[in-house]
N, C-alpha and C. Protein backbone atom coordinates (compact mmCIF):
# COMPACT_ATOMS: atom_id res chain seq x y z
N MET A 1 3.68 5.65 4.68
CA MET A 1 4.71 5.64 3.67
C MET A 1 5.06 4.22 3.28
N GLN A 2 5.07 3.31 4.23
CA GLN A 2 5.43 1.94 3.91
C GLN A 2 4.45 1.34 2.91
N ALA A 3 3.17 1.65 3.09
CA ALA A 3 2.16 1.08 2.20
C ALA A 3 2.35 1.57 0.77
N ARG A 4 2.89 2.74 0.61
CA ARG A 4 3.09 3.27 -0.73
C ARG A 4 4.29 2.64 -1.43
N TYR A 5 5.38 2.44 -0.71
CA TYR A 5 6.62 2.02 -1.34
C TYR A 5 6.92 0.53 -1.21
N GLN A 6 6.27 -0.15 -0.29
CA GLN A 6 6.48 -1.60 -0.14
C GLN A 6 5.17 -2.29 -0.51
N THR A 7 5.12 -2.86 -1.68
CA THR A 7 3.87 -3.40 -2.18
C THR A 7 3.41 -4.67 -1.46
N ALA A 8 4.34 -5.49 -1.00
CA ALA A 8 3.96 -6.72 -0.29
C ALA A 8 3.35 -6.35 1.06
N GLY A 9 2.17 -6.88 1.34
CA GLY A 9 1.51 -6.62 2.62
C GLY A 9 0.87 -5.25 2.73
N ARG A 10 0.66 -4.60 1.60
CA ARG A 10 0.12 -3.24 1.60
C ARG A 10 -1.26 -3.19 2.26
N LEU A 11 -2.12 -4.11 1.91
CA LEU A 11 -3.47 -4.10 2.45
C LEU A 11 -3.46 -4.32 3.96
N ALA A 12 -2.60 -5.20 4.44
CA ALA A 12 -2.50 -5.46 5.89
C ALA A 12 -2.05 -4.20 6.62
N ARG A 13 -1.10 -3.46 6.03
CA ARG A 13 -0.64 -2.22 6.67
C ARG A 13 -1.75 -1.18 6.71
N LEU A 14 -2.52 -1.11 5.63
CA LEU A 14 -3.62 -0.14 5.61
C LEU A 14 -4.70 -0.53 6.61
N ASP A 15 -4.95 -1.82 6.79
CA ASP A 15 -5.90 -2.27 7.81
C ASP A 15 -5.41 -1.87 9.20
N HIS A 16 -4.10 -1.98 9.42
CA HIS A 16 -3.52 -1.59 10.71
C HIS A 16 -3.68 -0.08 10.92
N VAL A 17 -3.44 0.70 9.89
CA VAL A 17 -3.61 2.15 9.98
C VAL A 17 -5.06 2.48 10.29
N ASN A 18 -5.99 1.74 9.70
CA ASN A 18 -7.40 1.97 9.97
C ASN A 18 -7.71 1.73 11.45
N LEU A 19 -7.12 0.70 12.01
CA LEU A 19 -7.30 0.43 13.44
C LEU A 19 -6.75 1.58 14.29
N LEU A 20 -5.59 2.08 13.92
CA LEU A 20 -5.00 3.21 14.65
C LEU A 20 -5.90 4.45 14.55
N LEU A 21 -6.48 4.65 13.39
CA LEU A 21 -7.38 5.78 13.19
C LEU A 21 -8.61 5.66 14.10
N GLU A 22 -9.14 4.44 14.22
CA GLU A 22 -10.28 4.22 15.12
C GLU A 22 -9.89 4.51 16.57
N ARG A 23 -8.68 4.13 16.95
CA ARG A 23 -8.21 4.43 18.31
C ARG A 23 -8.14 5.94 18.53
N LEU A 24 -7.64 6.65 17.54
CA LEU A 24 -7.56 8.11 17.66
C LEU A 24 -8.95 8.72 17.82
N ARG A 25 -9.90 8.23 17.03
CA ARG A 25 -11.28 8.74 17.15
C ARG A 25 -11.79 8.53 18.57
N HIS A 26 -11.55 7.36 19.10
CA HIS A 26 -12.00 7.05 20.46
C HIS A 26 -11.32 7.97 21.48
N LEU A 27 -10.02 8.17 21.33
CA LEU A 27 -9.30 9.05 22.25
C LEU A 27 -9.82 10.48 22.20
N PHE A 28 -10.16 10.96 21.01
CA PHE A 28 -10.73 12.31 20.91
C PHE A 28 -12.10 12.39 21.57
N ARG A 29 -12.90 11.32 21.46
CA ARG A 29 -14.19 11.31 22.16
C ARG A 29 -13.98 11.36 23.67
N LEU A 30 -13.02 10.60 24.15
CA LEU A 30 -12.72 10.62 25.59
C LEU A 30 -12.22 11.99 26.03
N ALA A 31 -11.35 12.59 25.21
CA ALA A 31 -10.82 13.92 25.55
C ALA A 31 -11.94 14.94 25.62
N ARG A 32 -12.87 14.85 24.69
CA ARG A 32 -14.00 15.80 24.70
C ARG A 32 -14.88 15.56 25.92
N ALA A 33 -15.14 14.29 26.23
CA ALA A 33 -15.98 13.96 27.38
C ALA A 33 -15.34 14.42 28.68
N ALA A 34 -14.02 14.37 28.74
CA ALA A 34 -13.30 14.81 29.94
C ALA A 34 -13.04 16.31 29.92
N GLU A 35 -13.55 16.97 28.90
CA GLU A 35 -13.36 18.41 28.71
C GLU A 35 -11.89 18.79 28.65
N ALA A 36 -11.08 17.90 28.05
CA ALA A 36 -9.66 18.16 27.87
C ALA A 36 -9.38 18.96 26.60
N CYS A 37 -10.40 19.10 25.77
CA CYS A 37 -10.26 19.93 24.58
C CYS A 37 -11.58 20.67 24.35
N THR A 38 -11.49 21.78 23.68
CA THR A 38 -12.70 22.56 23.42
C THR A 38 -13.54 21.88 22.35
N ARG A 39 -14.77 22.30 22.27
CA ARG A 39 -15.67 21.75 21.25
C ARG A 39 -15.14 22.03 19.85
N ALA A 40 -14.63 23.24 19.64
CA ALA A 40 -14.10 23.62 18.32
C ALA A 40 -12.90 22.75 17.93
N HIS A 41 -12.00 22.52 18.88
CA HIS A 41 -10.84 21.67 18.59
C HIS A 41 -11.28 20.24 18.28
N HIS A 42 -12.24 19.75 19.06
CA HIS A 42 -12.74 18.40 18.85
C HIS A 42 -13.38 18.28 17.46
N GLU A 43 -14.22 19.23 17.10
CA GLU A 43 -14.89 19.18 15.80
C GLU A 43 -13.89 19.24 14.65
N GLY A 44 -12.87 20.09 14.79
CA GLY A 44 -11.84 20.17 13.76
C GLY A 44 -11.08 18.87 13.62
N ALA A 45 -10.72 18.29 14.74
CA ALA A 45 -9.98 17.03 14.71
C ALA A 45 -10.82 15.91 14.11
N VAL A 46 -12.08 15.86 14.48
CA VAL A 46 -12.97 14.82 13.96
C VAL A 46 -13.16 14.98 12.45
N ARG A 47 -13.29 16.20 11.99
CA ARG A 47 -13.41 16.42 10.54
C ARG A 47 -12.18 15.92 9.79
N ARG A 48 -11.01 16.23 10.32
CA ARG A 48 -9.77 15.78 9.67
C ARG A 48 -9.62 14.26 9.73
N LEU A 49 -9.98 13.67 10.87
CA LEU A 49 -9.91 12.21 10.98
C LEU A 49 -10.89 11.54 10.01
N ASP A 50 -12.06 12.12 9.85
CA ASP A 50 -13.03 11.58 8.89
C ASP A 50 -12.50 11.66 7.46
N GLU A 51 -11.86 12.77 7.14
CA GLU A 51 -11.29 12.92 5.80
C GLU A 51 -10.20 11.87 5.57
N ILE A 52 -9.35 11.68 6.55
CA ILE A 52 -8.31 10.66 6.44
C ILE A 52 -8.94 9.28 6.29
N GLY A 53 -9.99 9.03 7.05
CA GLY A 53 -10.68 7.74 6.97
C GLY A 53 -11.28 7.49 5.60
N ARG A 54 -11.89 8.52 5.00
CA ARG A 54 -12.45 8.36 3.66
C ARG A 54 -11.36 8.07 2.63
N THR A 55 -10.24 8.76 2.74
CA THR A 55 -9.11 8.52 1.83
C THR A 55 -8.58 7.10 2.02
N LEU A 56 -8.41 6.70 3.25
CA LEU A 56 -7.92 5.36 3.56
C LEU A 56 -8.88 4.29 3.03
N HIS A 57 -10.17 4.51 3.22
CA HIS A 57 -11.17 3.55 2.72
C HIS A 57 -11.07 3.41 1.20
N GLY A 58 -10.93 4.52 0.51
CA GLY A 58 -10.81 4.49 -0.94
C GLY A 58 -9.57 3.72 -1.39
N TRP A 59 -8.48 3.93 -0.70
CA TRP A 59 -7.24 3.25 -1.04
C TRP A 59 -7.38 1.74 -0.80
N ARG A 60 -7.97 1.38 0.34
CA ARG A 60 -8.17 -0.03 0.65
C ARG A 60 -9.11 -0.69 -0.36
N ALA A 61 -10.19 -0.02 -0.71
CA ALA A 61 -11.13 -0.57 -1.69
C ALA A 61 -10.45 -0.76 -3.04
N SER A 62 -9.63 0.18 -3.42
CA SER A 62 -8.91 0.08 -4.68
C SER A 62 -7.97 -1.13 -4.69
N LEU A 63 -7.26 -1.33 -3.60
CA LEU A 63 -6.36 -2.48 -3.51
C LEU A 63 -7.12 -3.79 -3.53
N ARG A 64 -8.25 -3.82 -2.83
CA ARG A 64 -9.06 -5.05 -2.81
C ARG A 64 -9.59 -5.37 -4.20
N SER A 65 -10.03 -4.35 -4.93
CA SER A 65 -10.57 -4.61 -6.27
C SER A 65 -9.46 -5.08 -7.21
N ARG A 66 -8.25 -4.59 -7.02
CA ARG A 66 -7.12 -5.07 -7.83
C ARG A 66 -6.83 -6.53 -7.53
N GLU A 67 -6.91 -6.90 -6.25
CA GLU A 67 -6.63 -8.28 -5.88
C GLU A 67 -7.69 -9.23 -6.43
N VAL A 68 -8.94 -8.80 -6.46
CA VAL A 68 -10.02 -9.62 -6.99
C VAL A 68 -9.85 -9.77 -8.50
N GLY A 69 -9.38 -8.73 -9.15
CA GLY A 69 -9.20 -8.74 -10.60
C GLY A 69 -8.07 -9.61 -11.08
N ARG A 70 -7.21 -10.05 -10.20
CA ARG A 70 -6.05 -10.86 -10.60
C ARG A 70 -6.41 -12.26 -10.92
């Protein structure tokens, strides 16, 4: 939400969110390896995390292209 409403430092916040997303991916891999979640739950979570990652990447790329255009 901060990245949407506070324009200063938007790209830095999105980079931080990307890092958090990578941590989540890693934690889900560990959970699956430890058999703390079922295969179906893991696959569903990974699909949603990938979707979020693609959206985040698009947003970051858009902001970067705007900064280059200035």
